[in-house]
Amino acid sequence: MGRTVTFSFSSARYEGAKATETFTFEKLGLEASLDDMALEKELDEIFHAWVWDKLNISYSIVTAKEKDRL
């Protein structure tokens, strides 16, 4: 089966905001021969993309300025 990695997250603040999924290194396009630091960096980047995809959120930031009073 080869090497695998399991990604998981949950939120204590938002009910239902949790997920767990296991991938093979092959599926993630990772070389099993990567040194620990390079592997950690690659997995961190892949994990962040995975979380954003799972959360599937949209957001906006709106600022407003008070109108000058006469």
C-alpha atoms as a PDB file:
ATOM      1  CA  MET A   1       0.000   0.000   0.000  1.00  0.00           C
ATOM      2  CA  GLY A   2       2.908   2.388   0.556  1.00  0.00           C
ATOM      3  CA  ARG A   3       3.224   5.296   2.909  1.00  0.00           C
ATOM      4  CA  THR A   4       0.124   7.200   3.950  1.00  0.00           C
ATOM      5  CA  VAL A   5      -0.738  10.435   5.712  1.00  0.00           C
ATOM      6  CA  THR A   6      -3.984  11.274   7.500  1.00  0.00           C
ATOM      7  CA  PHE A   7      -5.279  14.833   7.609  1.00  0.00           C
ATOM      8  CA  SER A   8      -7.799  15.763  10.268  1.00  0.00           C
ATOM      9  CA  PHE A   9      -9.349  18.889  11.718  1.00  0.00           C
ATOM     10  CA  SER A  10     -12.235  19.799  13.975  1.00  0.00           C
ATOM     11  CA  SER A  11     -13.636  22.951  15.480  1.00  0.00           C
ATOM     12  CA  ALA A  12     -14.859  23.275  19.034  1.00  0.00           C
ATOM     13  CA  ARG A  13     -16.571  26.494  18.007  1.00  0.00           C
ATOM     14  CA  TYR A  14     -18.596  25.331  14.975  1.00  0.00           C
ATOM     15  CA  GLU A  15     -20.632  22.137  15.112  1.00  0.00           C
ATOM     16  CA  GLY A  16     -19.995  19.813  12.212  1.00  0.00           C
ATOM     17  CA  ALA A  17     -16.734  21.508  11.205  1.00  0.00           C
ATOM     18  CA  LYS A  18     -14.604  18.385  11.175  1.00  0.00           C
ATOM     19  CA  ALA A  19     -13.086  16.020   8.674  1.00  0.00           C
ATOM     20  CA  THR A  20     -10.569  13.199   8.465  1.00  0.00           C
ATOM     21  CA  GLU A  21      -9.118  11.733   5.290  1.00  0.00           C
ATOM     22  CA  THR A  22      -6.190   9.421   4.564  1.00  0.00           C
ATOM     23  CA  PHE A  23      -4.069   9.677   1.414  1.00  0.00           C
ATOM     24  CA  THR A  24      -1.190   7.714  -0.017  1.00  0.00           C
ATOM     25  CA  PHE A  25       1.992   9.609  -0.759  1.00  0.00           C
ATOM     26  CA  GLU A  26       1.458   8.640  -4.401  1.00  0.00           C
ATOM     27  CA  LYS A  27      -2.006  10.254  -4.471  1.00  0.00           C
ATOM     28  CA  LEU A  28      -0.519  13.468  -3.035  1.00  0.00           C
ATOM     29  CA  GLY A  29       2.389  13.396  -5.472  1.00  0.00           C
ATOM     30  CA  LEU A  30       4.940  13.026  -2.677  1.00  0.00           C
ATOM     31  CA  GLU A  31       8.204  11.148  -2.875  1.00  0.00           C
ATOM     32  CA  ALA A  32       8.718   8.826   0.101  1.00  0.00           C
ATOM     33  CA  SER A  33      12.428   9.631  -0.078  1.00  0.00           C
ATOM     34  CA  LEU A  34      11.996  13.320   0.873  1.00  0.00           C
ATOM     35  CA  ASP A  35      13.966  14.365   3.935  1.00  0.00           C
ATOM     36  CA  ASP A  36      11.941  15.192   7.048  1.00  0.00           C
ATOM     37  CA  MET A  37      12.097  18.979   6.657  1.00  0.00           C
ATOM     38  CA  ALA A  38      11.089  18.946   2.981  1.00  0.00           C
ATOM     39  CA  LEU A  39       8.296  16.465   3.720  1.00  0.00           C
ATOM     40  CA  GLU A  40       6.986  18.600   6.576  1.00  0.00           C
ATOM     41  CA  LYS A  41       6.902  21.678   4.332  1.00  0.00           C
ATOM     42  CA  GLU A  42       5.099  19.856   1.509  1.00  0.00           C
ATOM     43  CA  LEU A  43       2.561  18.295   3.867  1.00  0.00           C
ATOM     44  CA  ASP A  44       1.878  21.634   5.534  1.00  0.00           C
ATOM     45  CA  GLU A  45       1.077  23.261   2.181  1.00  0.00           C
ATOM     46  CA  ILE A  46      -1.104  20.352   1.066  1.00  0.00           C
ATOM     47  CA  PHE A  47      -2.883  20.268   4.439  1.00  0.00           C
ATOM     48  CA  HIS A  48      -3.767  23.972   4.309  1.00  0.00           C
ATOM     49  CA  ALA A  49      -5.227  23.569   0.806  1.00  0.00           C
ATOM     50  CA  TRP A  50      -7.170  20.492   1.964  1.00  0.00           C
ATOM     51  CA  VAL A  51      -8.662  22.335   4.964  1.00  0.00           C
ATOM     52  CA  TRP A  52      -9.740  25.313   2.824  1.00  0.00           C
ATOM     53  CA  ASP A  53     -11.374  22.929   0.355  1.00  0.00           C
ATOM     54  CA  LYS A  54     -13.201  21.060   3.129  1.00  0.00           C
ATOM     55  CA  LEU A  55     -14.442  24.224   4.816  1.00  0.00           C
ATOM     56  CA  ASN A  56     -15.665  25.596   1.496  1.00  0.00           C
ATOM     57  CA  ILE A  57     -16.308  29.033   2.951  1.00  0.00           C
ATOM     58  CA  SER A  58     -16.791  32.373   1.378  1.00  0.00           C
ATOM     59  CA  TYR A  59     -16.246  35.633   3.128  1.00  0.00           C
ATOM     60  CA  SER A  60     -16.181  39.353   2.694  1.00  0.00           C
ATOM     61  CA  ILE A  61     -14.798  42.231   4.684  1.00  0.00           C
ATOM     62  CA  VAL A  62     -16.805  45.428   4.545  1.00  0.00           C
ATOM     63  CA  THR A  63     -15.641  48.686   6.011  1.00  0.00           C
ATOM     64  CA  ALA A  64     -17.749  51.785   6.322  1.00  0.00           C
ATOM     65  CA  LYS A  65     -16.844  55.348   7.018  1.00  0.00           C
ATOM     66  CA  GLU A  66     -19.113  57.587   9.033  1.00  0.00           C
ATOM     67  CA  LYS A  67     -20.555  60.363   6.924  1.00  0.00           C
ATOM     68  CA  ASP A  68     -19.415  63.839   7.858  1.00  0.00           C
ATOM     69  CA  ARG A  69     -21.991  65.613   9.979  1.00  0.00           C
ATOM     70  CA  LEU A  70     -23.028  69.104   8.992  1.00  0.00           C
END
